[in-house]
Amino acid sequence: MSIEIVFILIYFAVVIGIGLAVSRRSSNSREGYLLGGRSLGAPVTALRMQSTSMSGYMFLGAGGLGYSQGYYGMWFALGDLGGGVLNLSIIGRRMRKLSYLLGSITSIGYLERRYPSIWTKLVAGPIALGCLFLYVLAQLLAGGQGFSSVTGLGLNVSLVIAVSIILIYTFLGGYLAVAYTGFLQAIIMVIGMLWILIATVQHVGGLTAGHESVKEVNANLLTMWGAEGQYFGEWGVILGALLIFSIGYIGYPHVNVGHMSMKRPSIARTAGLYSTGFNLLFIPGAYLIGLFALLIVPNLDNPELAIFEVAQVVLPPFAVGLVMAAIMAAIMSTADSILLQAGTIASQDLGGTLIKNLSEKAAVNISRIVIFVIAIIGLILAMWQPPGVFDLVVFATATMGSAFVPAYVCAVWWKKANTPGAITSMIAGAVGAVGAQIFDTSGMWGMDPMMVGIIASVLGIVIGSLATQKSHPVPPAVLAAVEETMRVAPIPKHLVIGEDATLSAQRPGTSE
């Protein structure tokens, strides 16, 4: 057995151990399984959010973009650097507070309670499920390709192993397992990325020498306009690249549930600092490694394997095992969060609407069944090798961001945002983003699909809300909760409305 496989097996044993350790604490109630009992501090909140957001995209998609387009990828990186702190700053504290006031334990259920209507769930749920499925498909494909590349096992065998590990610890511990493994995975990801970046720079003779060598291959790669200079002056495309990961995260249900799980609202401030530190250490490296991979492993058939191939050239075998563990950490941290969130949406939000008086145990079991089904379907499709990881992640992010960002932001910042406006916004954003990607607005009009979707979504919530203020006013209880959310102060107990029974034990933890 190679040393690479030994390190990966050790890593798998650790994450399964975490699942076992927290299983008794989290699997007996919906709130415990889905939110970890609202008990997480700043480091776990921030690093779980970032490891979940970064995913296999950074090790495959970002490396492949750096390999094929050079410094153009830094537009995505610049947006990504501020994504975490923007999310926590704009909606983190307020969402934690409002979700408590409204008694929400799921990200889609939160939207339904802020914009009261069964149609909020019925519109938001399918959009989220569809996009999350594409996102998890990208992670499964990334995990299979990476595991296969390093271990020499076949792609299908690698996929089965990765999916099995993810399912085991997600089933065991629910959100706490996802959160704590996400925290561990974030640390491993940073160590792995920095290690391979340092080794790569040394291998090419330093940054200056590396850039000079890349210049000889294609000087355009050292600009931010693409390998052929094709993005020069295409500000609609560039702005979309900046926005997709800077504000796109705000539309991720599997990321936003982290706000709701914080021990108290003020955790968001400190978490923002941890998030920024992680991003600065982790994000730029993937694009730089991809760029220098042109010198180390030229003529790759699949550019998305650039970081894997470079690692095997510049690192000793034991270090390749550690880096591979880091890459699997990135992939698994996103896959487990997405699967848990998809199961939550299907069982709690959509299933709970159809099945009345659903017991605690039944809800948790339904969530696990849905997680298993989605994972197996994703596994089957991943074996067919769908489009690249970059394409899948960008498509899903643009669609989710366009559909949900205005609804989540306006939920805590705009008191006039109402149900018709939110529903219009979600439909307009999703249709706009998907349509723009199908018809390639980047090529036709120089307008990135994310831009098209966000514009449609913002217009939808503003026009829809203002046009229906008289016919669909925000309910007084919800309005009072939103107004209270805007205050930095302890939560008055009399404003806790529509509370789930499972949240009653959390009432002492209402301070800022």
Protein backbone atom coordinates (compact mmCIF):
# COMPACT_ATOMS: atom_id res chain seq x y z
CA MET A 1 0.00 0.00 0.00
CA SER A 2 1.45 3.40 -1.01
CA ILE A 3 2.10 6.10 1.56
CA GLU A 4 -0.38 8.37 -0.25
CA ILE A 5 -3.19 5.90 0.37
CA VAL A 6 -2.13 5.47 4.01
CA PHE A 7 -2.49 9.20 4.69
CA ILE A 8 -5.86 9.33 2.96
CA LEU A 9 -7.13 6.34 4.96
CA ILE A 10 -6.00 8.02 8.19
CA TYR A 11 -7.90 11.13 7.17
CA PHE A 12 -11.04 9.13 6.38
CA ALA A 13 -10.81 7.42 9.79
CA VAL A 14 -10.58 10.81 11.54
CA VAL A 15 -13.69 12.28 9.88
CA ILE A 16 -15.69 9.12 10.58
CA GLY A 17 -14.50 9.33 14.19
CA ILE A 18 -15.84 12.88 14.39
CA GLY A 19 -19.19 11.66 13.12
CA LEU A 20 -19.28 8.97 15.81
CA ALA A 21 -18.23 11.41 18.53
CA VAL A 22 -21.07 13.85 17.87
CA SER A 23 -23.77 11.37 16.84
CA ARG A 24 -25.34 11.16 20.30
CA ARG A 25 -25.47 14.91 20.63
CA SER A 26 -27.10 15.69 17.30
CA SER A 27 -29.28 12.96 15.85
CA ASN A 28 -32.26 12.85 18.18
CA SER A 29 -33.99 16.09 17.24
CA ARG A 30 -34.48 18.15 14.11
CA GLU A 31 -32.72 21.18 15.56
CA GLY A 32 -29.82 19.10 16.82
CA TYR A 33 -29.44 17.25 13.51
CA LEU A 34 -30.01 20.27 11.24
CA LEU A 35 -28.47 23.17 13.21
CA GLY A 36 -26.19 21.53 15.78
CA GLY A 37 -28.30 23.05 18.56
CA ARG A 38 -27.27 26.60 17.57
CA SER A 39 -24.05 26.10 19.50
CA LEU A 40 -21.17 26.99 17.17
CA GLY A 41 -18.51 29.60 17.90
CA ALA A 42 -16.65 31.94 15.55
CA PRO A 43 -13.75 29.69 14.37
CA VAL A 44 -16.00 26.74 13.51
CA THR A 45 -18.63 29.02 11.94
CA ALA A 46 -16.10 30.79 9.71
CA LEU A 47 -13.94 27.88 8.65
CA ARG A 48 -16.93 25.58 8.07
CA MET A 49 -18.44 28.26 5.85
CA GLN A 50 -15.24 28.74 3.87
CA SER A 51 -14.40 25.07 3.45
CA THR A 52 -17.98 24.48 2.34
CA SER A 53 -17.83 27.39 -0.10
CA MET A 54 -14.42 26.62 -1.60
CA SER A 55 -15.00 22.95 -2.36
CA GLY A 56 -13.30 20.94 -5.08
CA TYR A 57 -13.66 23.98 -7.32
CA MET A 58 -10.51 25.52 -5.89
CA PHE A 59 -8.36 22.42 -6.46
CA LEU A 60 -9.81 21.58 -9.87
CA GLY A 61 -11.74 24.48 -11.40
CA ALA A 62 -9.43 27.27 -10.19
CA GLY A 63 -6.30 25.32 -11.09
CA GLY A 64 -7.72 24.55 -14.52
CA LEU A 65 -8.65 28.20 -15.08
CA GLY A 66 -5.16 29.35 -14.13
CA TYR A 67 -3.69 26.73 -16.50
CA SER A 68 -5.84 27.75 -19.47
CA GLN A 69 -6.44 31.49 -18.94
CA GLY A 70 -3.64 32.67 -16.63
CA TYR A 71 -4.23 35.75 -14.52
CA TYR A 72 -7.76 36.19 -15.86
CA GLY A 73 -8.71 33.75 -13.10
CA MET A 74 -7.70 36.38 -10.54
CA TRP A 75 -10.97 38.23 -11.24
CA PHE A 76 -12.73 35.24 -9.67
CA ALA A 77 -10.12 35.17 -6.89
CA LEU A 78 -10.60 38.87 -6.06
CA GLY A 79 -14.32 38.38 -5.64
CA ASP A 80 -13.75 35.20 -3.66
CA LEU A 81 -11.40 36.90 -1.20
CA GLY A 82 -14.20 39.06 0.17
CA GLY A 83 -17.03 36.56 -0.21
CA GLY A 84 -16.98 35.24 3.34
CA VAL A 85 -16.75 38.55 5.17
CA LEU A 86 -19.39 40.08 2.89
CA ASN A 87 -21.78 37.24 3.64
CA LEU A 88 -21.23 37.43 7.40
CA SER A 89 -21.32 41.24 7.45
CA ILE A 90 -24.40 41.72 5.28
CA ILE A 91 -26.70 39.01 6.61
CA GLY A 92 -24.81 36.93 9.21
CA ARG A 93 -25.76 38.61 12.49
CA ARG A 94 -29.20 39.65 11.31
CA MET A 95 -30.07 36.26 9.88
CA ARG A 96 -29.08 34.53 13.13
CA LYS A 97 -31.33 36.88 15.07
CA LEU A 98 -34.28 36.84 12.68
CA SER A 99 -34.20 33.06 12.28
CA TYR A 100 -34.43 32.76 16.07
CA LEU A 101 -37.30 35.23 16.24
CA LEU A 102 -39.21 33.42 13.50
CA GLY A 103 -38.41 29.93 14.82
CA SER A 104 -36.65 28.83 11.63
CA ILE A 105 -34.34 25.81 11.57
CA THR A 106 -33.76 25.54 7.79
CA SER A 107 -32.58 28.09 5.25
CA ILE A 108 -35.62 27.62 3.00
CA GLY A 109 -37.97 27.50 5.99
CA TYR A 110 -36.45 30.83 7.02
CA LEU A 111 -37.48 32.36 3.70
CA GLU A 112 -40.98 30.90 4.07
CA ARG A 113 -41.41 32.43 7.54
CA ARG A 114 -40.04 35.80 6.46
CA TYR A 115 -42.20 35.76 3.31
CA PRO A 116 -45.21 33.83 4.66
CA SER A 117 -46.73 31.60 1.99
CA ILE A 118 -46.61 27.94 1.07
CA TRP A 119 -45.61 29.16 -2.40
CA THR A 120 -42.34 30.54 -1.02
CA LYS A 121 -41.28 27.00 -0.15
CA LEU A 122 -42.70 25.48 -3.31
CA VAL A 123 -40.72 27.93 -5.47
CA ALA A 124 -37.50 28.12 -3.43
CA GLY A 125 -37.26 24.41 -2.63
CA PRO A 126 -37.05 23.01 -6.19
CA ILE A 127 -34.65 25.77 -7.32
CA ALA A 128 -32.35 25.04 -4.38
CA LEU A 129 -32.57 21.27 -4.83
CA GLY A 130 -31.77 21.46 -8.54
CA CYS A 131 -28.75 23.70 -8.04
CA LEU A 132 -27.48 21.80 -5.01
CA PHE A 133 -27.65 18.58 -6.98
CA LEU A 134 -25.47 20.07 -9.73
CA TYR A 135 -23.09 21.39 -7.10
CA VAL A 136 -22.77 18.05 -5.34
CA LEU A 137 -22.33 16.35 -8.72
CA ALA A 138 -19.32 18.60 -9.31
CA GLN A 139 -17.87 17.58 -5.93
CA LEU A 140 -18.35 13.88 -6.57
CA LEU A 141 -16.71 14.19 -9.96
CA ALA A 142 -13.83 16.17 -8.44
CA GLY A 143 -13.38 13.63 -5.66
CA GLY A 144 -13.36 10.71 -8.05
CA GLN A 145 -10.90 12.31 -10.46
CA GLY A 146 -8.54 13.38 -7.71
CA PHE A 147 -8.60 10.10 -5.81
CA SER A 148 -8.11 8.16 -9.04
CA SER A 149 -5.23 10.39 -10.17
CA VAL A 150 -3.22 9.91 -6.98
CA THR A 151 -4.04 6.31 -6.02
CA GLY A 152 -4.18 4.79 -9.49
CA LEU A 153 -7.59 3.27 -8.77
CA GLY A 154 -10.28 3.42 -11.44
CA LEU A 155 -12.56 6.46 -11.51
CA ASN A 156 -15.68 4.47 -10.63
CA VAL A 157 -14.02 2.75 -7.65
CA SER A 158 -12.71 6.12 -6.44
CA LEU A 159 -16.18 7.65 -6.69
CA VAL A 160 -17.74 4.85 -4.65
CA ILE A 161 -15.12 5.22 -1.90
CA ALA A 162 -15.52 9.01 -1.66
CA VAL A 163 -19.33 8.87 -1.61
CA SER A 164 -19.34 6.10 1.02
CA ILE A 165 -17.16 8.09 3.44
CA ILE A 166 -19.25 11.23 3.01
CA LEU A 167 -22.48 9.34 3.65
CA ILE A 168 -21.17 7.57 6.75
CA TYR A 169 -20.24 10.63 8.78
CA THR A 170 -23.13 12.77 7.50
CA PHE A 171 -25.58 10.06 8.58
CA LEU A 172 -23.94 9.67 11.97
CA GLY A 173 -23.69 13.23 13.14
CA GLY A 174 -25.81 15.52 11.00
CA TYR A 175 -24.88 19.20 11.11
CA LEU A 176 -22.41 18.92 13.99
CA ALA A 177 -20.42 16.30 12.09
CA VAL A 178 -20.51 18.51 8.99
CA ALA A 179 -19.48 21.59 10.99
CA TYR A 180 -16.62 20.03 12.95
CA THR A 181 -15.23 18.11 9.99
CA GLY A 182 -15.56 21.31 7.95
CA PHE A 183 -13.43 23.11 10.55
CA LEU A 184 -10.78 20.37 10.40
CA GLN A 185 -10.96 20.25 6.62
CA ALA A 186 -10.41 24.01 6.34
CA ILE A 187 -7.17 23.75 8.30
CA ILE A 188 -5.97 20.83 6.18
CA MET A 189 -6.91 22.71 3.00
CA VAL A 190 -4.80 25.74 3.94
CA ILE A 191 -1.79 23.63 4.89
CA GLY A 192 -2.06 21.58 1.70
CA MET A 193 -2.48 24.58 -0.60
CA LEU A 194 0.40 26.55 0.93
CA TRP A 195 2.67 23.49 0.86
CA ILE A 196 2.12 22.79 -2.81
CA LEU A 197 2.33 26.51 -3.69
CA ILE A 198 5.71 26.91 -1.98
CA ALA A 199 7.03 23.72 -3.61
CA THR A 200 5.73 24.86 -7.01
CA VAL A 201 7.36 28.29 -6.80
CA GLN A 202 10.65 26.70 -5.75
CA HIS A 203 10.42 24.23 -8.62
CA VAL A 204 10.10 26.99 -11.25
CA GLY A 205 12.95 29.01 -9.72
CA GLY A 206 10.92 31.64 -7.90
CA LEU A 207 8.05 33.96 -8.82
CA THR A 208 10.08 36.18 -11.14
CA ALA A 209 11.69 33.31 -13.02
CA GLY A 210 8.36 31.51 -13.22
CA HIS A 211 6.63 34.54 -14.69
CA GLU A 212 9.43 35.02 -17.22
CA SER A 213 9.05 31.41 -18.34
CA VAL A 214 5.28 31.75 -18.64
CA LYS A 215 5.81 34.91 -20.69
CA GLU A 216 7.78 32.89 -23.20
CA VAL A 217 4.86 30.47 -23.53
CA ASN A 218 2.15 33.14 -23.83
CA ALA A 219 2.57 36.71 -22.58
CA ASN A 220 -1.23 37.16 -22.48
CA LEU A 221 -1.40 34.72 -19.57
CA LEU A 222 0.30 37.34 -17.38
CA THR A 223 -2.49 39.83 -18.05
CA MET A 224 -6.01 39.66 -16.64
CA TRP A 225 -7.62 39.57 -20.10
CA GLY A 226 -7.41 35.87 -20.95
CA ALA A 227 -5.05 33.67 -22.98
CA GLU A 228 -6.03 35.40 -26.23
CA GLY A 229 -6.76 38.82 -24.71
CA GLN A 230 -10.43 38.03 -25.39
CA TYR A 231 -11.75 39.66 -22.21
CA PHE A 232 -10.12 43.04 -22.72
CA GLY A 233 -12.80 45.69 -22.21
CA GLU A 234 -15.48 43.03 -21.54
CA TRP A 235 -16.52 44.66 -18.28
CA GLY A 236 -19.89 42.92 -18.15
CA VAL A 237 -18.11 39.56 -18.12
CA ILE A 238 -15.45 40.72 -15.67
CA LEU A 239 -18.00 42.19 -13.26
CA GLY A 240 -19.84 38.88 -13.35
CA ALA A 241 -16.59 37.06 -12.51
CA LEU A 242 -16.10 39.38 -9.52
CA LEU A 243 -19.68 38.99 -8.31
CA ILE A 244 -20.20 35.28 -8.73
CA PHE A 245 -18.16 34.29 -5.67
CA SER A 246 -18.29 37.59 -3.76
CA ILE A 247 -22.07 37.86 -3.44
CA GLY A 248 -23.00 34.48 -4.91
CA TYR A 249 -22.25 32.86 -1.53
CA ILE A 250 -25.12 34.84 -0.01
CA GLY A 251 -27.46 32.73 -2.12
CA TYR A 252 -26.07 29.36 -0.95
CA PRO A 253 -28.62 27.66 1.35
CA HIS A 254 -25.94 25.24 2.59
CA VAL A 255 -23.71 28.19 3.57
CA ASN A 256 -26.39 30.42 5.07
CA VAL A 257 -27.59 27.72 7.43
CA GLY A 258 -24.27 28.36 9.18
CA HIS A 259 -25.50 31.81 10.23
CA MET A 260 -28.49 30.21 11.91
CA SER A 261 -26.29 27.74 13.84
CA MET A 262 -24.13 30.40 15.55
CA LYS A 263 -24.21 30.45 19.35
CA ARG A 264 -25.27 34.10 19.30
CA PRO A 265 -25.59 36.86 16.64
CA SER A 266 -22.41 38.72 17.60
CA ILE A 267 -20.34 35.67 16.62
CA ALA A 268 -20.63 36.93 13.03
CA ARG A 269 -18.20 39.81 13.64
CA THR A 270 -15.34 37.61 14.83
CA ALA A 271 -16.15 34.94 12.26
CA GLY A 272 -15.62 37.54 9.54
CA LEU A 273 -11.99 37.97 10.64
CA TYR A 274 -11.33 34.23 10.59
CA SER A 275 -12.97 34.00 7.18
CA THR A 276 -10.80 36.75 5.70
CA GLY A 277 -7.62 35.21 7.09
CA PHE A 278 -8.48 31.84 5.59
CA ASN A 279 -9.25 33.38 2.19
CA LEU A 280 -5.99 35.32 2.01
CA LEU A 281 -3.94 32.22 2.76
CA PHE A 282 -5.88 29.82 0.57
CA ILE A 283 -7.44 31.37 -2.53
CA PRO A 284 -4.62 32.95 -4.62
CA GLY A 285 -2.50 29.81 -4.45
CA ALA A 286 -4.81 27.66 -6.57
CA TYR A 287 -4.68 30.04 -9.55
CA LEU A 288 -0.90 30.51 -9.27
CA ILE A 289 -0.27 26.77 -9.13
CA GLY A 290 -2.46 26.32 -12.19
CA LEU A 291 -0.50 29.02 -14.02
CA PHE A 292 2.91 27.52 -13.21
CA ALA A 293 1.62 24.03 -14.03
CA LEU A 294 2.06 25.06 -17.67
CA LEU A 295 5.81 24.88 -17.05
CA ILE A 296 5.82 21.73 -14.93
CA VAL A 297 3.22 19.51 -16.67
CA PRO A 298 2.62 21.05 -20.13
CA ASN A 299 0.07 19.70 -22.60
CA LEU A 300 -2.36 18.26 -20.08
CA ASP A 301 -5.41 16.64 -21.64
CA ASN A 302 -7.55 17.81 -18.70
CA PRO A 303 -6.39 21.18 -17.28
CA GLU A 304 -8.55 20.64 -14.18
CA LEU A 305 -6.07 17.98 -13.03
CA ALA A 306 -3.21 20.53 -13.06
CA ILE A 307 -2.83 20.79 -9.28
CA PHE A 308 -2.94 17.01 -8.83
CA GLU A 309 -0.28 16.48 -11.49
CA VAL A 310 1.94 19.25 -10.13
CA ALA A 311 1.72 17.83 -6.61
CA GLN A 312 3.07 14.48 -7.78
CA VAL A 313 6.04 16.19 -9.46
CA VAL A 314 7.11 18.74 -6.84
CA LEU A 315 6.29 16.96 -3.58
CA PRO A 316 7.71 13.82 -1.92
CA PRO A 317 5.30 10.85 -1.68
CA PHE A 318 4.28 11.44 1.94
CA ALA A 319 3.50 15.08 1.16
CA VAL A 320 1.42 14.05 -1.84
CA GLY A 321 -0.65 11.99 0.59
CA LEU A 322 -1.17 15.00 2.84
CA VAL A 323 -2.04 17.27 -0.08
CA MET A 324 -4.43 14.66 -1.42
CA ALA A 325 -6.08 14.60 1.99
CA ALA A 326 -6.40 18.39 1.73
CA ILE A 327 -8.03 18.12 -1.67
CA MET A 328 -10.41 15.41 -0.47
CA ALA A 329 -11.12 17.65 2.52
CA ALA A 330 -12.18 20.49 0.24
CA ILE A 331 -14.37 18.23 -1.83
CA MET A 332 -15.95 16.35 1.07
CA SER A 333 -16.61 19.46 3.16
CA THR A 334 -18.79 20.81 0.40
CA ALA A 335 -20.40 17.52 -0.58
CA ASP A 336 -21.50 16.68 2.98
CA SER A 337 -22.94 20.15 3.58
CA ILE A 338 -24.83 20.10 0.29
CA LEU A 339 -26.21 16.61 0.87
CA LEU A 340 -27.36 17.54 4.38
CA GLN A 341 -28.97 20.73 3.13
CA ALA A 342 -30.65 18.94 0.21
CA GLY A 343 -32.04 16.34 2.59
CA THR A 344 -33.24 19.12 4.86
CA ILE A 345 -35.04 20.95 2.07
CA ALA A 346 -36.68 17.77 0.80
CA SER A 347 -37.78 16.46 4.21
CA GLN A 348 -38.32 19.56 6.35
CA ASP A 349 -39.43 22.14 3.84
CA LEU A 350 -41.14 20.22 1.05
CA GLY A 351 -41.95 16.98 2.89
CA GLY A 352 -43.15 18.81 6.00
CA THR A 353 -45.58 20.76 3.84
CA LEU A 354 -47.14 17.56 2.52
CA ILE A 355 -46.95 15.38 5.67
CA LYS A 356 -48.60 16.88 8.73
CA ASN A 357 -47.47 16.16 12.31
CA LEU A 358 -44.14 14.75 11.20
CA SER A 359 -42.28 13.41 14.25
CA GLU A 360 -38.72 14.34 15.16
CA LYS A 361 -37.39 10.85 14.41
CA ALA A 362 -39.34 10.55 11.14
CA ALA A 363 -38.04 13.92 9.88
CA VAL A 364 -34.42 12.95 10.59
CA ASN A 365 -34.90 9.56 8.91
CA ILE A 366 -36.52 11.11 5.83
CA SER A 367 -33.62 13.52 5.58
CA ARG A 368 -31.16 10.62 5.67
CA ILE A 369 -33.08 8.72 3.00
CA VAL A 370 -33.11 11.75 0.70
CA ILE A 371 -29.38 12.30 1.28
CA PHE A 372 -28.71 8.68 0.32
CA VAL A 373 -30.85 8.85 -2.83
CA ILE A 374 -29.29 12.11 -4.02
CA ALA A 375 -25.78 10.76 -3.38
CA ILE A 376 -26.48 7.57 -5.34
CA ILE A 377 -28.02 9.46 -8.29
CA GLY A 378 -25.05 11.85 -8.26
CA LEU A 379 -22.67 8.90 -8.13
CA ILE A 380 -24.27 7.30 -11.19
CA LEU A 381 -24.16 10.53 -13.19
CA ALA A 382 -20.58 11.26 -12.10
CA MET A 383 -19.57 7.87 -13.50
CA TRP A 384 -20.78 9.14 -16.88
CA GLN A 385 -18.34 12.07 -16.54
CA PRO A 386 -20.56 15.15 -17.01
CA PRO A 387 -19.17 18.64 -17.87
CA GLY A 388 -16.14 20.00 -16.05
CA VAL A 389 -16.17 20.93 -12.37
CA PHE A 390 -15.69 24.62 -13.19
CA ASP A 391 -18.72 24.71 -15.50
CA LEU A 392 -20.99 22.92 -13.04
CA VAL A 393 -19.98 25.12 -10.08
CA VAL A 394 -20.32 28.37 -12.02
CA PHE A 395 -23.73 27.35 -13.41
CA ALA A 396 -25.07 26.36 -9.98
CA THR A 397 -23.61 29.43 -8.24
CA ALA A 398 -24.93 31.88 -10.83
CA THR A 399 -28.41 30.35 -10.60
CA MET A 400 -28.57 30.14 -6.79
CA GLY A 401 -27.01 33.56 -6.35
CA SER A 402 -29.42 35.17 -8.79
CA ALA A 403 -32.44 33.41 -7.30
CA PHE A 404 -31.74 33.91 -3.60
CA VAL A 405 -29.34 36.80 -2.90
CA PRO A 406 -31.96 39.60 -3.08
CA ALA A 407 -34.46 37.55 -1.06
CA TYR A 408 -31.94 36.84 1.73
CA VAL A 409 -30.55 40.39 1.81
CA CYS A 410 -33.93 42.13 1.70
CA ALA A 411 -35.26 39.79 4.39
CA VAL A 412 -33.19 41.64 7.00
CA TRP A 413 -32.54 45.01 5.36
CA TRP A 414 -35.80 46.08 3.70
CA LYS A 415 -39.01 46.08 5.70
CA LYS A 416 -41.18 46.47 2.59
CA ALA A 417 -39.94 43.25 1.00
CA ASN A 418 -43.00 41.01 0.87
CA THR A 419 -44.10 37.59 -0.35
CA PRO A 420 -45.03 38.45 -3.97
CA GLY A 421 -41.80 40.37 -4.36
CA ALA A 422 -39.67 37.51 -3.03
CA ILE A 423 -41.40 34.89 -5.17
CA THR A 424 -41.11 37.07 -8.27
CA SER A 425 -37.45 37.70 -7.48
CA MET A 426 -36.59 34.01 -7.11
CA ILE A 427 -38.32 33.02 -10.33
CA ALA A 428 -36.93 35.96 -12.31
CA GLY A 429 -33.40 35.42 -11.00
CA ALA A 430 -33.35 31.69 -11.71
CA VAL A 431 -34.92 32.02 -15.17
CA GLY A 432 -32.66 34.97 -16.03
CA ALA A 433 -29.45 33.19 -14.99
CA VAL A 434 -30.32 29.88 -16.65
CA GLY A 435 -31.55 31.60 -19.81
CA ALA A 436 -28.43 33.75 -19.99
CA GLN A 437 -26.21 30.68 -19.74
CA ILE A 438 -28.20 28.77 -22.34
CA PHE A 439 -28.16 31.65 -24.82
CA ASP A 440 -24.58 32.70 -23.94
CA THR A 441 -25.16 36.37 -23.13
CA SER A 442 -21.42 36.68 -22.45
CA GLY A 443 -20.73 36.14 -26.14
CA MET A 444 -23.82 37.93 -27.44
CA TRP A 445 -23.92 41.05 -25.29
CA GLY A 446 -20.75 40.91 -23.20
CA MET A 447 -22.96 40.37 -20.14
CA ASP A 448 -22.16 37.59 -17.66
CA PRO A 449 -25.14 35.33 -16.76
CA MET A 450 -24.71 36.25 -13.09
CA MET A 451 -25.23 39.90 -13.98
CA VAL A 452 -28.34 39.13 -16.01
CA GLY A 453 -29.81 36.99 -13.23
CA ILE A 454 -29.05 39.44 -10.43
CA ILE A 455 -30.53 42.38 -12.34
CA ALA A 456 -33.71 40.39 -13.04
CA SER A 457 -33.91 39.25 -9.42
CA VAL A 458 -33.42 42.73 -7.93
CA LEU A 459 -36.02 44.22 -10.26
CA GLY A 460 -38.36 41.39 -9.34
CA ILE A 461 -38.23 41.97 -5.58
CA VAL A 462 -38.35 45.76 -5.81
CA ILE A 463 -41.15 46.03 -8.36
CA GLY A 464 -43.05 43.03 -7.00
CA SER A 465 -42.94 44.30 -3.42
CA LEU A 466 -43.80 47.93 -4.15
CA ALA A 467 -46.66 46.98 -6.48
CA THR A 468 -48.31 44.72 -3.87
CA GLN A 469 -47.84 46.64 -0.61
CA LYS A 470 -51.58 47.15 -0.18
CA SER A 471 -52.73 43.69 -1.25
CA HIS A 472 -49.93 41.78 0.50
CA PRO A 473 -48.54 43.84 3.40
CA VAL A 474 -45.81 42.34 5.54
CA PRO A 475 -47.58 40.75 8.55
CA PRO A 476 -47.23 42.90 11.71
CA ALA A 477 -45.50 40.14 13.67
CA VAL A 478 -42.93 39.60 10.91
CA LEU A 479 -42.44 43.36 10.54
CA ALA A 480 -41.80 43.69 14.28
CA ALA A 481 -39.27 40.86 14.10
CA VAL A 482 -37.44 42.50 11.18
CA GLU A 483 -37.34 45.84 13.01
CA GLU A 484 -35.93 44.11 16.09
CA THR A 485 -33.34 42.36 13.94
CA MET A 486 -31.98 45.75 12.89
CA ARG A 487 -31.19 46.60 16.52
CA VAL A 488 -27.95 45.52 18.20
CA ALA A 489 -29.49 44.49 21.49
CA PRO A 490 -30.73 41.44 23.40
CA ILE A 491 -33.86 39.86 21.94
CA PRO A 492 -37.07 40.66 23.86
CA LYS A 493 -38.75 37.35 24.65
CA HIS A 494 -42.20 38.64 23.71
CA LEU A 495 -41.07 39.07 20.09
CA VAL A 496 -40.12 35.41 19.64
CA ILE A 497 -42.91 34.36 17.28
CA GLY A 498 -43.82 31.26 15.33
CA GLU A 499 -41.23 29.32 17.29
CA ASP A 500 -40.72 25.62 16.67
CA ALA A 501 -41.16 23.54 19.79
CA THR A 502 -37.62 22.28 19.38
CA LEU A 503 -36.27 25.82 19.83
CA SER A 504 -37.75 26.45 23.27
CA ALA A 505 -34.59 25.23 25.01
CA GLN A 506 -32.61 27.92 23.18
CA ARG A 507 -34.47 30.81 24.75
CA PRO A 508 -31.84 31.60 27.39
CA GLY A 509 -29.28 32.22 24.63
CA THR A 510 -30.84 35.42 23.30
CA SER A 511 -28.09 37.92 24.02
CA GLU A 512 -26.12 39.67 21.37
